[in-house]
Protein backbone atom coordinates (compact mmCIF):
# COMPACT_ATOMS: atom_id res chain seq x y z
CA MET A 1 0.00 0.00 0.00
CA GLU A 2 1.35 3.39 -1.01
CA ALA A 3 0.32 6.46 0.98
CA LEU A 4 -1.89 8.92 -0.88
CA THR A 5 -0.62 12.42 -1.57
CA VAL A 6 -2.66 15.18 -3.15
CA ARG A 7 -0.64 18.23 -4.13
CA LEU A 8 -2.16 21.46 -5.41
CA SER A 9 -0.29 23.83 -7.69
CA ARG A 10 -1.54 26.96 -9.40
CA LEU A 11 -0.48 28.51 -12.71
CA ASP A 12 -2.32 31.13 -14.78
CA GLY A 13 -5.83 30.48 -13.43
CA THR A 14 -5.48 26.69 -13.46
CA VAL A 15 -5.11 24.56 -10.36
CA THR A 16 -3.54 21.16 -10.87
CA MET A 17 -4.41 18.53 -8.28
CA THR A 18 -1.68 15.89 -8.55
CA VAL A 19 -2.77 12.59 -7.00
CA ARG A 20 -0.20 9.89 -6.19
CA GLY A 21 -0.46 6.59 -4.36
CA ASP A 22 -3.48 4.48 -3.41
CA LEU A 23 -6.97 6.03 -3.59
CA ASP A 24 -9.24 3.78 -1.59
CA MET A 25 -11.60 3.67 1.37
CA ALA A 26 -8.77 4.40 3.79
CA THR A 27 -7.43 7.46 1.92
CA VAL A 28 -10.34 9.00 0.03
CA ALA A 29 -11.01 11.62 2.72
CA LEU A 30 -7.79 13.43 1.77
CA LEU A 31 -8.90 13.78 -1.85
CA ARG A 32 -12.34 15.00 -0.74
CA ARG A 33 -10.83 17.61 1.61
CA ARG A 34 -8.54 18.97 -1.12
CA ALA A 35 -11.40 19.09 -3.62
CA ASP A 36 -13.64 20.87 -1.11
CA HIS A 37 -10.87 23.40 -0.54
CA LEU A 38 -11.06 24.29 -4.24
CA LEU A 39 -14.80 24.03 -4.78
CA LEU A 40 -16.06 25.76 -1.65
CA ARG A 41 -13.95 28.90 -1.92
CA ARG A 42 -15.85 31.96 -0.78
CA ASP A 43 -13.69 34.53 -2.55
CA GLY A 44 -15.35 33.92 -5.93
CA ASP A 45 -12.17 32.51 -7.45
CA ARG A 46 -13.16 29.57 -9.66
CA PRO A 47 -9.99 28.31 -11.31
CA ARG A 48 -9.92 25.68 -14.00
CA ILE A 49 -9.04 22.35 -12.32
CA VAL A 50 -6.84 19.63 -13.77
CA ILE A 51 -6.74 16.40 -11.78
CA GLU A 52 -3.51 14.61 -12.70
CA LEU A 53 -3.77 10.89 -11.97
CA SER A 54 -0.71 9.35 -13.64
CA GLY A 55 0.84 8.68 -10.20
CA LEU A 56 -2.19 6.73 -8.98
CA THR A 57 -1.05 3.20 -8.08
CA PHE A 58 -4.36 1.70 -6.89
CA ILE A 59 -8.01 2.70 -6.88
CA ASP A 60 -11.04 0.94 -5.46
CA ALA A 61 -14.76 1.62 -5.84
CA THR A 62 -14.69 4.24 -3.07
CA GLY A 63 -11.92 6.14 -4.83
CA LEU A 64 -13.72 5.94 -8.16
CA GLY A 65 -16.88 7.18 -6.47
CA ALA A 66 -14.98 10.22 -5.18
CA LEU A 67 -13.66 10.99 -8.67
CA ILE A 68 -17.14 10.62 -10.16
CA ALA A 69 -18.56 12.92 -7.47
CA LEU A 70 -15.85 15.49 -8.20
CA ARG A 71 -16.68 15.39 -11.90
CA GLY A 72 -20.35 15.76 -11.06
CA ARG A 73 -19.73 18.80 -8.88
CA THR A 74 -17.95 20.49 -11.79
CA ALA A 75 -20.23 19.23 -14.59
CA ARG A 76 -21.72 22.64 -15.26
CA GLY A 77 -18.28 24.02 -16.02
CA ARG A 78 -17.88 26.14 -12.89
CA PRO A 79 -15.09 25.41 -12.40
CA ALA A 80 -14.10 23.41 -15.44
CA LEU A 81 -12.47 20.05 -14.66
CA THR A 82 -10.06 18.07 -16.81
CA VAL A 83 -8.84 14.58 -15.92
CA ALA A 84 -5.29 13.90 -17.12
CA GLY A 85 -2.90 10.96 -16.96
CA ARG A 86 -5.29 8.02 -16.64
CA PRO A 87 -3.16 5.23 -15.10
CA PRO A 88 -3.55 1.51 -15.83
CA CYS A 89 -5.28 0.80 -12.49
CA LEU A 90 -8.02 3.32 -13.31
CA THR A 91 -8.31 2.11 -16.89
CA ARG A 92 -8.82 -1.49 -15.71
CA LEU A 93 -11.55 -0.43 -13.27
CA LEU A 94 -13.32 1.76 -15.85
CA ASN A 95 -13.17 -1.06 -18.42
CA ALA A 96 -14.60 -3.56 -15.94
CA LEU A 97 -17.51 -1.18 -15.25
CA GLY A 98 -18.07 -0.30 -18.90
CA MET A 99 -17.20 3.35 -18.21
CA ALA A 100 -13.94 3.73 -20.11
CA ASP A 101 -15.46 5.87 -22.88
CA ASP A 102 -16.82 8.34 -20.31
CA TRP A 103 -13.31 9.29 -19.19
């Protein structure tokens, strides 16, 4: 098991959320807290968000649920969300669920 890290970086109105390690039931709260930090800002700043997942080493249904919820919260484009770097562990899970074309 690899510890989850979620690092935020900002450049020109875009926040990149770099996710590394295992995203599962034991670690998903960290991802949710970081996402809430971005989505619940009260200062009106709504940056474009890129969630970079190439460093993800494991994901379970709870982790996938958190990613789906994050996409849902940004579905109306405020802020816009882009998923980048789909790793093999996520691809396998999406294929098994018949969701690969949605990502």
